[in-house]
Protein backbone atom coordinates (compact mmCIF):
# COMPACT_ATOMS: atom_id res chain seq x y z
CA MET A 1 -13.02 5.84 -11.15
CA THR A 2 -15.76 3.62 -9.76
CA GLN A 3 -19.19 4.82 -8.73
CA ILE A 4 -20.20 5.23 -5.11
CA LEU A 5 -21.85 1.99 -4.04
CA THR A 6 -25.31 1.35 -2.68
CA ALA A 7 -25.87 -0.86 0.36
CA GLN A 8 -26.48 -3.85 -1.97
CA THR A 9 -23.56 -3.69 -4.41
CA ALA A 10 -19.85 -3.09 -4.24
CA ASP A 11 -16.66 -3.46 -6.18
CA VAL A 12 -15.13 -5.22 -3.17
CA LEU A 13 -16.95 -6.88 -0.27
CA ILE A 14 -14.70 -7.21 2.79
CA ILE A 15 -15.86 -9.64 5.48
CA GLY A 16 -14.48 -8.72 8.90
CA ALA A 17 -13.78 -5.34 10.51
CA GLY A 18 -10.53 -6.35 12.13
CA PRO A 19 -7.23 -4.61 11.41
CA VAL A 20 -6.77 -6.34 8.04
CA GLY A 21 -10.24 -5.54 6.72
CA LEU A 22 -10.04 -1.98 8.03
CA THR A 23 -6.58 -1.37 6.54
CA LEU A 24 -7.61 -2.81 3.18
CA ALA A 25 -10.74 -0.65 3.14
CA ASN A 26 -8.63 2.47 3.77
CA LEU A 27 -6.22 1.62 0.95
CA LEU A 28 -9.07 0.90 -1.46
CA GLY A 29 -10.95 4.00 -0.37
CA GLN A 30 -7.94 6.11 -1.29
CA GLN A 31 -8.29 4.80 -4.85
CA GLY A 32 -12.04 5.46 -5.05
CA VAL A 33 -12.93 1.77 -5.03
CA GLY A 34 -16.47 0.96 -3.96
CA VAL A 35 -16.13 -1.02 -0.74
CA LEU A 36 -18.70 -2.66 1.51
CA LEU A 37 -17.15 -3.75 4.80
CA VAL A 38 -19.36 -6.05 6.88
CA GLU A 39 -18.76 -7.24 10.42
CA LYS A 40 -20.73 -9.90 12.28
CA GLY A 41 -20.21 -8.17 15.63
CA ASP A 42 -22.14 -5.09 16.64
CA GLU A 43 -18.96 -3.05 17.20
CA LEU A 44 -15.19 -3.27 17.06
CA ILE A 45 -13.58 -5.76 19.42
CA ASP A 46 -12.58 -3.73 22.46
CA TYR A 47 -10.01 -6.03 24.05
CA PRO A 48 -6.32 -5.92 23.13
CA ARG A 49 -4.98 -8.85 21.12
CA ALA A 50 -1.80 -7.89 19.30
CA VAL A 51 0.70 -5.76 21.23
CA GLY A 52 3.42 -5.05 18.65
CA ILE A 53 3.43 -3.01 15.44
CA ASP A 54 6.55 -3.01 13.27
CA ASP A 55 8.14 -0.59 10.84
CA GLU A 56 6.60 -2.16 7.74
CA ALA A 57 3.12 -1.78 9.22
CA LEU A 58 3.77 1.83 10.23
CA ARG A 59 4.89 2.52 6.66
CA ALA A 60 1.57 1.07 5.48
CA MET A 61 -0.20 3.42 7.90
CA GLN A 62 1.86 6.26 6.41
CA THR A 63 0.72 5.24 2.94
CA ALA A 64 -2.90 5.23 4.15
CA ASP A 65 -2.28 8.77 5.55
CA ILE A 66 -3.29 7.89 9.11
CA VAL A 67 0.09 7.26 10.77
CA ASP A 68 -0.03 10.52 12.75
CA ASP A 69 -3.20 9.26 14.43
CA VAL A 70 -1.68 5.83 15.09
CA LEU A 71 1.58 7.00 16.70
CA PRO A 72 0.02 8.35 19.95
CA HIS A 73 -0.95 4.75 20.76
CA THR A 74 2.58 3.33 20.42
CA ILE A 75 5.79 2.91 22.41
CA PRO A 76 8.57 3.36 19.82
CA ASP A 77 11.72 1.24 19.92
CA GLN A 78 10.38 -1.13 22.53
CA LYS A 79 13.15 -3.39 23.79
CA ILE A 80 12.55 -7.08 24.55
CA TYR A 81 14.49 -9.17 27.04
CA MET A 82 14.35 -12.96 26.83
CA VAL A 83 15.11 -14.31 30.32
CA ASN A 84 15.26 -17.72 31.95
CA GLY A 85 13.67 -18.92 35.17
CA ASP A 86 16.32 -17.10 37.22
CA ARG A 87 15.68 -13.82 35.33
CA LEU A 88 19.09 -14.04 33.64
CA ILE A 89 19.03 -12.46 30.17
CA LEU A 90 19.27 -15.03 27.40
CA SER A 91 19.04 -12.51 24.59
CA GLU A 92 18.02 -8.92 23.92
CA VAL A 93 16.01 -7.68 20.96
CA ASN A 94 16.52 -3.99 20.37
CA PRO A 95 16.81 -2.97 16.69
CA THR A 96 17.28 0.79 16.54
CA THR A 97 17.80 1.38 12.83
CA ARG A 98 15.19 3.01 10.58
CA GLU A 99 15.52 1.20 7.24
CA PHE A 100 11.89 1.81 6.36
CA GLY A 101 11.58 5.20 8.03
CA TRP A 102 10.04 4.05 11.31
CA PRO A 103 11.08 2.31 14.54
CA ARG A 104 11.33 -1.41 13.93
CA ARG A 105 9.62 -2.53 17.15
CA ASN A 106 6.76 -0.68 18.80
CA GLY A 107 4.34 -1.58 21.55
CA PHE A 108 0.78 -0.51 20.80
CA VAL A 109 -2.83 -0.75 21.97
CA GLN A 110 -4.68 -2.56 19.20
CA PRO A 111 -8.27 -1.45 19.96
CA LEU A 112 -7.25 2.21 19.76
CA VAL A 113 -5.41 1.69 16.48
CA ASP A 114 -8.36 -0.26 15.10
CA ARG A 115 -10.52 2.73 16.02
CA VAL A 116 -8.18 5.02 14.07
CA LEU A 117 -8.53 2.72 11.07
CA LEU A 118 -12.33 2.72 11.34
CA GLU A 119 -12.53 6.51 11.67
CA GLY A 120 -10.20 6.82 8.68
CA LEU A 121 -12.90 5.31 6.49
CA GLU A 122 -15.09 8.36 7.08
CA ARG A 123 -12.88 10.16 4.54
CA PHE A 124 -14.14 8.03 1.66
CA PRO A 125 -17.66 8.34 0.21
CA SER A 126 -17.06 5.09 -1.71
CA VAL A 127 -16.73 3.02 1.51
CA THR A 128 -19.68 1.74 3.56
CA VAL A 129 -19.35 -0.11 6.89
CA ARG A 130 -22.11 -2.31 8.30
CA PHE A 131 -21.85 -3.89 11.76
CA GLY A 132 -24.17 -6.66 12.94
CA THR A 133 -24.02 -8.16 9.44
CA GLU A 134 -23.21 -11.85 9.08
CA VAL A 135 -22.45 -13.49 5.73
CA THR A 136 -23.90 -17.01 5.62
CA ASP A 137 -23.23 -17.97 2.01
CA LEU A 138 -21.18 -16.95 -1.02
CA VAL A 139 -21.98 -17.94 -4.60
CA GLU A 140 -19.58 -17.00 -7.36
CA GLU A 141 -20.95 -15.92 -10.74
CA ALA A 142 -19.19 -15.10 -14.01
CA ASP A 143 -18.32 -11.53 -13.08
CA GLY A 144 -18.98 -11.32 -9.34
CA VAL A 145 -20.01 -12.97 -6.09
CA VAL A 146 -23.43 -12.96 -4.43
CA ALA A 147 -23.28 -12.94 -0.62
CA THR A 148 -26.30 -14.00 1.41
CA LEU A 149 -26.70 -12.50 4.87
CA ALA A 150 -28.20 -14.07 7.97
CA ASP A 151 -31.39 -12.04 7.53
CA GLY A 152 -31.77 -13.23 3.94
CA GLU A 153 -30.53 -10.04 2.28
CA ALA A 154 -28.31 -10.49 -0.78
CA LEU A 155 -25.25 -8.39 -1.57
CA ARG A 156 -23.28 -8.45 -4.78
CA ALA A 157 -19.60 -7.63 -5.31
CA ARG A 158 -17.03 -8.10 -8.04
CA TRP A 159 -14.54 -9.43 -5.50
CA VAL A 160 -14.75 -10.70 -1.92
CA VAL A 161 -11.98 -10.54 0.67
CA ALA A 162 -12.51 -12.73 3.73
CA ALA A 163 -10.65 -11.25 6.69
CA GLU A 164 -12.84 -12.58 9.50
CA GLY A 165 -10.16 -14.24 11.60
CA GLY A 166 -8.65 -17.65 12.25
CA ALA A 167 -12.05 -19.35 12.54
CA SER A 168 -12.95 -17.99 9.08
CA ALA A 169 -16.34 -19.33 7.98
CA THR A 170 -15.42 -18.42 4.41
CA ARG A 171 -12.29 -20.59 4.44
CA LYS A 172 -14.28 -23.50 5.86
CA ARG A 173 -17.12 -22.97 3.38
CA LEU A 174 -14.65 -23.13 0.50
CA GLY A 175 -13.09 -26.30 1.89
CA ILE A 176 -9.60 -24.77 2.04
CA SER A 177 -7.17 -26.69 4.25
CA PHE A 178 -5.57 -25.03 7.27
CA GLU A 179 -2.53 -27.16 7.97
CA GLY A 180 -0.23 -26.74 10.95
CA GLU A 181 -0.40 -27.34 14.66
CA THR A 182 -2.05 -26.15 17.84
CA ARG A 183 0.06 -25.97 20.97
CA PRO A 184 -1.07 -28.41 23.68
CA THR A 185 -1.38 -25.76 26.39
CA ASP A 186 -3.53 -22.63 26.52
CA GLY A 187 -2.43 -19.20 27.66
CA LEU A 188 -4.03 -16.61 29.90
CA VAL A 189 -3.82 -12.94 28.95
CA ILE A 190 -4.21 -10.38 31.73
CA ASP A 191 -4.40 -6.65 30.91
CA VAL A 192 -4.10 -4.15 33.72
CA ALA A 193 -4.40 -0.39 34.00
CA ASN A 194 -2.12 1.88 36.05
CA ASP A 195 0.90 -0.29 35.25
CA PRO A 196 2.26 -1.49 38.62
CA VAL A 197 5.71 -2.16 37.12
CA GLY A 198 6.06 0.87 34.87
CA THR A 199 9.21 -0.02 32.93
CA PRO A 200 9.05 0.59 29.14
CA HIS A 201 10.33 -2.74 27.85
CA ALA A 202 8.87 -6.23 27.39
CA VAL A 203 10.09 -9.41 29.08
CA PHE A 204 9.56 -12.95 27.78
CA GLY A 205 10.23 -15.41 30.57
CA GLY A 206 11.31 -18.93 29.63
CA ASP A 207 10.63 -20.19 33.16
CA PRO A 208 10.26 -23.98 33.17
CA THR A 209 7.87 -23.73 36.14
CA ARG A 210 5.53 -21.45 34.14
CA SER A 211 6.45 -19.39 31.07
CA TYR A 212 5.23 -15.81 30.89
CA ALA A 213 5.42 -12.48 29.14
CA SER A 214 5.24 -9.02 30.68
CA ILE A 215 4.76 -6.22 28.17
CA ALA A 216 4.48 -2.47 28.71
CA LEU A 217 1.78 -0.86 26.56
CA PRO A 218 0.89 2.78 25.96
CA HIS A 219 -1.39 4.75 28.28
CA GLY A 220 -0.29 2.97 31.47
CA ILE A 221 -1.47 -0.48 30.39
CA ARG A 222 0.54 -3.66 30.98
CA ARG A 223 -0.06 -7.07 29.40
CA TRP A 224 0.84 -10.33 31.13
CA GLU A 225 0.60 -13.69 29.43
CA PHE A 226 0.92 -16.95 31.36
CA THR A 227 0.97 -20.58 30.26
CA LEU A 228 -1.96 -22.57 31.64
CA PHE A 229 -1.40 -26.22 32.46
CA GLU A 230 -3.93 -29.00 32.05
CA GLY A 231 -6.97 -28.51 34.27
CA GLU A 232 -6.23 -24.86 35.12
CA GLU A 233 -8.70 -23.38 32.61
CA ALA A 234 -11.45 -23.73 35.20
CA ASN A 235 -9.60 -21.35 37.52
CA VAL A 236 -9.41 -18.34 35.21
CA GLU A 237 -12.78 -16.96 36.33
CA ASP A 238 -11.47 -16.83 39.90
CA GLU A 239 -10.01 -13.36 40.50
CA GLU A 240 -7.88 -14.62 43.39
CA TYR A 241 -6.31 -17.21 41.09
CA VAL A 242 -5.55 -14.53 38.51
CA ARG A 243 -3.96 -12.36 41.16
CA SER A 244 -1.92 -15.31 42.41
CA LEU A 245 -0.32 -15.55 38.95
CA LEU A 246 0.66 -11.89 39.25
CA ALA A 247 2.08 -12.26 42.76
CA PRO A 248 5.69 -13.02 41.67
CA HIS A 249 5.62 -10.03 39.31
CA VAL A 250 4.34 -7.06 41.37
CA PRO A 251 4.76 -5.72 44.91
CA ASP A 252 1.06 -6.05 45.80
CA PRO A 253 -1.20 -8.11 43.51
CA SER A 254 -4.28 -7.17 45.54
CA LYS A 255 -3.96 -3.58 44.30
CA VAL A 256 -3.53 -4.39 40.60
CA ASP A 257 -6.25 -2.76 38.49
CA ILE A 258 -7.28 -5.67 36.23
CA ILE A 259 -9.03 -4.59 33.04
CA ARG A 260 -9.78 -8.08 31.74
CA SER A 261 -8.39 -11.58 31.38
CA ARG A 262 -8.89 -14.03 28.52
CA VAL A 263 -7.81 -17.52 27.58
CA TYR A 264 -6.20 -18.03 24.16
CA ARG A 265 -4.66 -20.87 22.16
CA HIS A 266 -1.35 -20.95 20.30
CA HIS A 267 -1.92 -21.91 16.64
CA ALA A 268 0.56 -22.15 13.77
CA ARG A 269 -1.37 -22.76 10.55
CA VAL A 270 -1.38 -21.65 6.91
CA ALA A 271 -4.26 -21.99 4.45
CA GLY A 272 -3.75 -24.29 1.47
CA THR A 273 -4.56 -21.42 -0.90
CA PHE A 274 -5.25 -17.72 -0.46
CA LYS A 275 -7.57 -17.34 -3.46
CA VAL A 276 -10.43 -19.32 -4.98
CA GLY A 277 -11.90 -17.60 -8.00
CA ARG A 278 -13.14 -14.19 -6.91
CA ILE A 279 -12.84 -14.91 -3.17
CA ILE A 280 -9.58 -14.04 -1.40
CA LEU A 281 -8.39 -14.83 2.14
CA ALA A 282 -6.35 -12.33 4.15
CA GLY A 283 -4.96 -12.02 7.67
CA ASP A 284 -5.79 -14.71 10.23
CA ALA A 285 -8.26 -16.27 7.80
CA ALA A 286 -5.20 -17.23 5.73
CA HIS A 287 -2.58 -17.77 8.43
CA VAL A 288 -2.15 -17.76 12.21
CA MET A 289 1.01 -17.91 14.29
CA PRO A 290 2.07 -17.91 17.96
CA VAL A 291 2.10 -14.50 19.61
CA VAL A 292 5.73 -14.73 20.79
CA GLY A 293 7.12 -13.38 17.53
CA GLY A 294 4.70 -10.43 17.55
CA GLN A 295 4.09 -10.85 13.82
CA GLY A 296 0.49 -12.07 13.49
CA TRP A 297 -1.01 -8.57 13.28
CA ASN A 298 1.83 -7.28 11.13
CA SER A 299 1.58 -10.21 8.71
CA GLY A 300 -2.10 -9.38 8.20
CA ILE A 301 -1.22 -5.76 7.44
CA ARG A 302 1.31 -7.00 4.86
CA ASP A 303 -1.51 -8.96 3.25
CA ALA A 304 -3.69 -5.86 3.04
CA PHE A 305 -0.81 -3.74 1.70
CA ASN A 306 0.07 -6.29 -0.98
CA LEU A 307 -3.54 -6.86 -1.98
CA GLY A 308 -4.81 -3.28 -1.77
CA TRP A 309 -3.01 -1.77 -4.75
CA LYS A 310 -3.65 -4.85 -6.86
CA LEU A 311 -7.41 -4.90 -6.21
CA ALA A 312 -7.60 -1.16 -6.91
CA ALA A 313 -5.71 -1.56 -10.20
CA VAL A 314 -8.03 -4.33 -11.38
CA VAL A 315 -11.26 -2.63 -10.26
CA ASN A 316 -10.26 0.70 -11.78
CA GLY A 317 -9.40 -0.91 -15.12
CA HIS A 318 -5.64 -0.35 -14.94
CA ALA A 319 -4.68 -4.03 -14.81
CA GLY A 320 -6.04 -7.41 -15.83
CA GLU A 321 -7.42 -9.90 -13.32
CA ALA A 322 -4.24 -12.01 -13.58
CA LEU A 323 -2.59 -9.44 -11.29
CA LEU A 324 -4.56 -10.81 -8.33
CA ASP A 325 -2.98 -14.24 -8.78
CA THR A 326 0.34 -12.71 -7.70
CA TYR A 327 -1.04 -12.04 -4.21
CA GLU A 328 -0.63 -15.66 -3.11
CA GLN A 329 2.60 -16.04 -5.12
CA GLU A 330 4.17 -13.20 -3.16
CA ARG A 331 2.65 -13.65 0.29
CA LEU A 332 2.54 -17.39 0.89
CA GLY A 333 6.28 -17.99 1.10
CA HIS A 334 6.97 -15.14 3.52
CA VAL A 335 4.00 -16.08 5.70
CA ALA A 336 5.30 -19.65 5.96
CA GLN A 337 8.70 -18.31 7.03
CA MET A 338 7.15 -16.05 9.66
CA VAL A 339 4.99 -18.85 11.06
CA SER A 340 8.05 -21.09 11.34
CA VAL A 341 10.09 -18.40 13.14
CA SER A 342 7.25 -17.60 15.53
CA LEU A 343 6.65 -21.27 16.29
CA GLY A 344 10.34 -21.82 16.98
CA MET A 345 10.44 -18.87 19.38
CA ALA A 346 7.28 -20.09 21.12
CA LYS A 347 8.72 -23.55 21.64
CA GLU A 348 12.01 -22.15 22.92
CA MET A 349 10.40 -19.83 25.47
CA THR A 350 7.54 -22.10 26.60
CA ASP A 351 9.39 -25.39 27.02
CA HIS A 352 8.63 -26.58 30.54
CA ASP A 353 11.05 -29.48 30.47
CA PRO A 354 13.82 -28.47 32.94
CA ALA A 355 16.48 -30.34 30.98
CA ALA A 356 15.50 -28.67 27.70
CA ALA A 357 15.40 -25.26 29.40
CA ALA A 358 18.86 -25.85 30.87
CA GLU A 359 20.22 -26.74 27.41
CA ARG A 360 18.65 -23.57 25.99
CA ASP A 361 20.33 -21.54 28.73
CA ARG A 362 23.67 -23.20 28.03
CA ILE A 363 23.44 -22.38 24.31
CA ALA A 364 22.50 -18.78 25.10
CA ALA A 365 25.39 -18.35 27.51
CA ASN A 366 27.88 -19.52 24.86
CA ARG A 367 26.71 -17.24 22.05
CA THR A 368 29.47 -15.17 20.50
CA PRO A 369 29.30 -11.37 20.61
CA GLU A 370 28.43 -11.45 16.90
CA GLU A 371 25.53 -13.82 17.56
CA ARG A 372 24.27 -11.65 20.39
CA GLU A 373 24.42 -8.59 18.17
CA ALA A 374 22.47 -10.42 15.46
CA GLN A 375 19.76 -11.25 18.01
CA LYS A 376 19.73 -7.64 19.17
CA ARG A 377 19.19 -6.23 15.70
CA GLN A 378 16.46 -8.84 15.03
CA ALA A 379 18.34 -10.59 12.25
CA PHE A 380 16.14 -13.67 12.77
CA LYS A 381 13.11 -11.85 11.31
CA PRO A 382 12.79 -12.75 7.61
CA GLN A 383 12.29 -9.81 5.27
CA PRO A 384 9.88 -10.19 2.35
CA LYS A 385 11.73 -11.08 -0.86
CA PHE A 386 9.69 -12.06 -3.92
CA ASP A 387 11.09 -14.35 -6.58
CA ARG A 388 7.79 -14.45 -8.48
CA GLY A 389 4.89 -12.11 -8.99
CA VAL A 390 5.14 -8.47 -10.00
CA VAL A 391 8.91 -8.47 -10.12
CA VAL A 392 11.41 -8.49 -13.00
CA HIS A 393 14.85 -9.95 -12.30
CA THR A 394 17.41 -8.36 -14.58
CA PRO A 395 20.91 -9.90 -14.91
CA PRO A 396 23.75 -8.16 -13.09
CA PRO A 397 25.45 -5.68 -15.43
CA THR A 398 29.02 -6.44 -16.50
CA PHE A 399 30.03 -3.11 -18.03
CA LYS A 400 33.56 -1.95 -17.24
CA SER A 401 32.37 1.29 -15.67
CA LEU A 402 30.94 -0.79 -12.81
CA PRO A 403 33.15 -2.48 -10.18
CA ALA A 404 32.58 -6.22 -9.86
CA ARG A 405 30.82 -6.72 -6.54
CA ASP A 406 28.81 -9.54 -5.05
CA VAL A 407 25.86 -7.59 -3.68
CA PRO A 408 22.27 -8.78 -3.23
CA ARG A 409 19.89 -7.97 -6.05
CA MET A 410 17.05 -5.79 -4.82
CA ALA A 411 14.17 -6.75 -7.13
CA GLY A 412 11.44 -8.23 -4.96
CA SER A 413 12.68 -6.51 -1.78
CA ILE A 414 11.26 -3.54 0.08
CA PHE A 415 12.94 -0.27 -0.85
CA PRO A 416 14.27 1.71 2.13
CA GLN A 417 12.82 5.01 3.27
CA PRO A 418 15.53 7.41 4.46
CA GLN A 419 14.96 11.06 5.22
CA ALA A 420 15.10 13.21 2.09
CA THR A 421 13.74 16.57 0.91
CA ASP A 422 11.15 17.73 -1.55
CA VAL A 423 12.15 20.01 -4.44
CA ALA A 424 11.97 23.04 -2.12
CA GLY A 425 14.50 21.47 0.25
CA VAL A 426 12.01 20.70 3.04
CA GLU A 427 13.12 17.57 4.91
CA MET A 428 10.67 14.66 5.18
CA ARG A 429 10.46 10.88 4.78
CA LEU A 430 11.17 9.63 1.27
CA ASP A 431 7.63 8.37 0.52
CA ASP A 432 6.23 11.78 1.39
CA ALA A 433 8.80 13.46 -0.86
CA THR A 434 8.16 11.19 -3.85
CA GLY A 435 4.44 10.73 -3.35
CA GLN A 436 2.76 7.34 -3.13
CA GLY A 437 1.98 4.88 -5.93
CA TRP A 438 4.20 3.59 -8.71
CA ARG A 439 7.55 5.37 -9.01
CA VAL A 440 10.26 5.22 -11.63
CA MET A 441 13.21 6.51 -9.62
CA MET A 442 16.59 7.50 -11.05
CA TRP A 443 19.72 8.71 -9.38
CA ASN A 444 20.86 12.12 -10.71
CA ASN A 445 19.35 11.65 -14.18
CA ASP A 446 16.11 13.17 -15.45
CA PRO A 447 13.91 10.09 -16.05
CA ALA A 448 11.90 11.95 -18.69
CA GLN A 449 14.98 11.70 -20.92
CA PHE A 450 14.99 7.90 -20.70
CA VAL A 451 11.32 6.83 -20.44
CA SER A 452 9.38 6.98 -23.68
CA PRO A 453 6.33 9.28 -23.83
CA GLU A 454 4.06 6.25 -24.28
CA LYS A 455 5.29 4.49 -21.16
CA ALA A 456 5.31 7.77 -19.21
CA GLU A 457 1.69 8.29 -20.20
CA THR A 458 0.80 4.80 -18.96
CA LEU A 459 2.63 5.50 -15.70
CA ALA A 460 0.64 8.68 -15.16
CA ARG A 461 -2.63 6.89 -15.98
CA ILE A 462 -2.05 4.30 -13.25
CA GLY A 463 -1.20 7.00 -10.71
CA GLY A 464 2.58 6.73 -10.95
CA ARG A 465 5.30 9.30 -11.37
CA LEU A 466 8.83 9.85 -12.57
CA VAL A 467 11.25 10.71 -9.76
CA GLN A 468 14.68 12.32 -10.09
CA VAL A 469 16.92 12.00 -7.02
CA VAL A 470 19.81 14.46 -6.70
CA PRO A 471 22.13 15.55 -3.91
CA LYS A 472 20.45 18.32 -1.95
CA ALA A 473 23.22 20.69 -3.03
CA GLN A 474 21.98 20.43 -6.64
CA LEU A 475 18.38 21.43 -5.89
CA PRO A 476 18.77 25.14 -6.80
CA TRP A 477 20.03 24.16 -10.26
CA VAL A 478 17.59 21.29 -10.84
CA ARG A 479 14.59 23.45 -9.90
CA GLU A 480 15.32 25.52 -12.98
CA GLN A 481 15.82 22.51 -15.25
CA VAL A 482 13.24 19.95 -14.14
CA SER A 483 11.10 18.36 -16.86
CA GLU A 484 7.35 18.63 -16.73
CA GLY A 485 5.82 15.76 -14.78
CA VAL A 486 9.02 14.85 -12.94
CA THR A 487 9.14 14.86 -9.12
CA VAL A 488 12.50 16.00 -7.73
CA VAL A 489 13.85 14.68 -4.44
CA GLY A 490 16.90 15.97 -2.58
CA ASP A 491 19.25 13.43 -1.00
CA LEU A 492 20.77 14.32 2.38
CA GLY A 493 23.91 12.20 2.10
CA GLY A 494 25.43 10.06 4.84
CA GLU A 495 25.46 6.35 5.61
CA ALA A 496 21.68 5.86 5.34
CA SER A 497 21.19 8.06 2.28
CA LEU A 498 19.96 7.17 -1.19
CA GLN A 499 23.40 8.01 -2.59
CA ALA A 500 24.95 5.45 -0.24
CA TRP A 501 22.35 2.91 -1.38
CA PHE A 502 23.12 3.48 -5.07
CA ASP A 503 26.87 3.60 -4.37
CA ALA A 504 26.70 0.05 -3.03
CA ARG A 505 24.96 -1.42 -6.10
CA PRO A 506 25.39 -1.63 -9.88
CA THR A 507 22.05 0.11 -10.31
CA SER A 508 20.99 3.66 -11.15
CA ALA A 509 17.29 3.24 -11.96
CA LEU A 510 14.47 1.57 -10.04
CA ILE A 511 10.81 0.82 -10.51
CA VAL A 512 9.07 0.86 -7.13
CA ARG A 513 5.57 -0.53 -6.64
CA PRO A 514 2.80 1.13 -4.59
CA ASP A 515 3.65 -1.17 -1.68
CA HIS A 516 7.29 0.05 -1.82
CA VAL A 517 8.62 -3.22 -3.21
CA VAL A 518 11.30 -2.88 -5.90
CA ALA A 519 9.70 -4.30 -9.05
CA ALA A 520 12.95 -4.04 -11.05
CA GLU A 521 16.40 -2.44 -11.06
CA CYS A 522 18.65 -1.56 -13.97
CA LEU A 523 20.91 1.10 -15.48
CA ALA A 524 19.62 4.38 -16.87
CA GLN A 525 19.69 3.36 -20.53
CA GLU A 526 17.74 0.16 -19.78
CA ILE A 527 14.83 1.71 -17.91
CA ASP A 528 12.37 2.03 -20.79
CA GLU A 529 12.67 -1.63 -21.80
CA VAL A 530 12.55 -2.86 -18.19
CA LEU A 531 9.52 -0.68 -17.44
CA GLY A 532 7.72 -2.45 -20.28
CA LEU A 533 8.55 -5.81 -18.71
CA VAL A 534 7.16 -4.64 -15.39
CA TYR A 535 3.94 -3.55 -17.07
CA GLU A 536 3.65 -7.07 -18.47
CA ALA A 537 4.32 -8.67 -15.07
CA ALA A 538 1.65 -6.46 -13.49
CA SER A 539 -0.86 -7.09 -16.30
CA ILE A 540 -1.05 -3.30 -16.84
CA LEU A 541 -3.64 -2.53 -19.51
């Protein structure tokens, strides 16, 4: 375990106290990593930016043990309607499943969640936060990085994570490209209190006269976003102009309680690399995307979740530095997919060419019921799936005891989180039942009978555990038989159960990473050998 840092040294220096830097600091703090988080501003940004938090991000908040404080600032299962200029519904987005244990779409108030993340850092004596602290230079040395501050002070860290936003000075200082495009028109965001509409859903209006979004947020707040046309930027300081934009949306715009309004630009860009030596980019510093897809904030949280366990493993001496090279290998491809999807949605809903809008409406009207259902369940959102990195792809088994089925291989995908029970039979989400960190998970079998003592010892040293999953009905028997060091989980059965998951695949043993990604899958007798391969892929020492 690392020592508590002073104000001048750290294991990890994080630049930027936005959601990515704050989430990463919480994840590192859990592992006792010495963190210095610096922020140029004097306080957290107090205006809402992102308005949607997804199930993957909530699972990350669960892992950081702060989700119960985040949830009061969310609207679970928020439905989205895509409408045309005549308010006719083009498509509906309303995924109601719980693959990862949480609602898949949720409205939220970002400043309040950022505050939860900041207050969460008070739990960790190894984490220090300094506002009003600007980094003006970074110089890499053999075993660390020296950061110079605006006042001339020098800080030293083994690793630096730049999470200071899309205008990242660190990215520019390193000369890293930021390829992509910027939309030709700006947008105006208007946040109001005492929501004059009051409905719980969000509406994205593809109106060729002026595209818009109207989004319900927690605590009686509503967000409107309007396209600004050339020359209109000068009007945004005029309150009457702002209220005129709201006039078609509310009964009485003169009585709307405006909190603030801000102009923003639509960017779709990805950095040429996410890592240069000991300096790593994360969040908007590495990628930005249009707000229509609601995935900019969530993509940054995925960065922090992927990077957090890897940095902790390297700093704490559990893994070699090569592990950090897998961060870009795993994140870059999915980020590029998400930027492309978000850009496509932005272009579709903000096209002000009447002919193009009419063609969009025609296509929407002729969608099949199956296509409409796919839109509803958000099938267009790409799920992370890693082909490289900390993942071992085993060949499909061909033993005669296994039916021949063409099912997707799960290595590199996120493992689901159904409801389950602990060994006492108390129902809870799977991650809470198994515990966090590395998990070697086996259906029905006692993993201690298949994993060698040497590999089990390594697993324990890196904070992992052996997990035996059994039908809940077997718990009374298993409680009397469980091996020392094995965590027992009771399966509840049903369509979304672990048994149903294993039933559908030629797999009985899994190795799950701390970020809930399946590192490898195999049969019971193969687990010891495959676990060794995973250790190699993760540079486990």
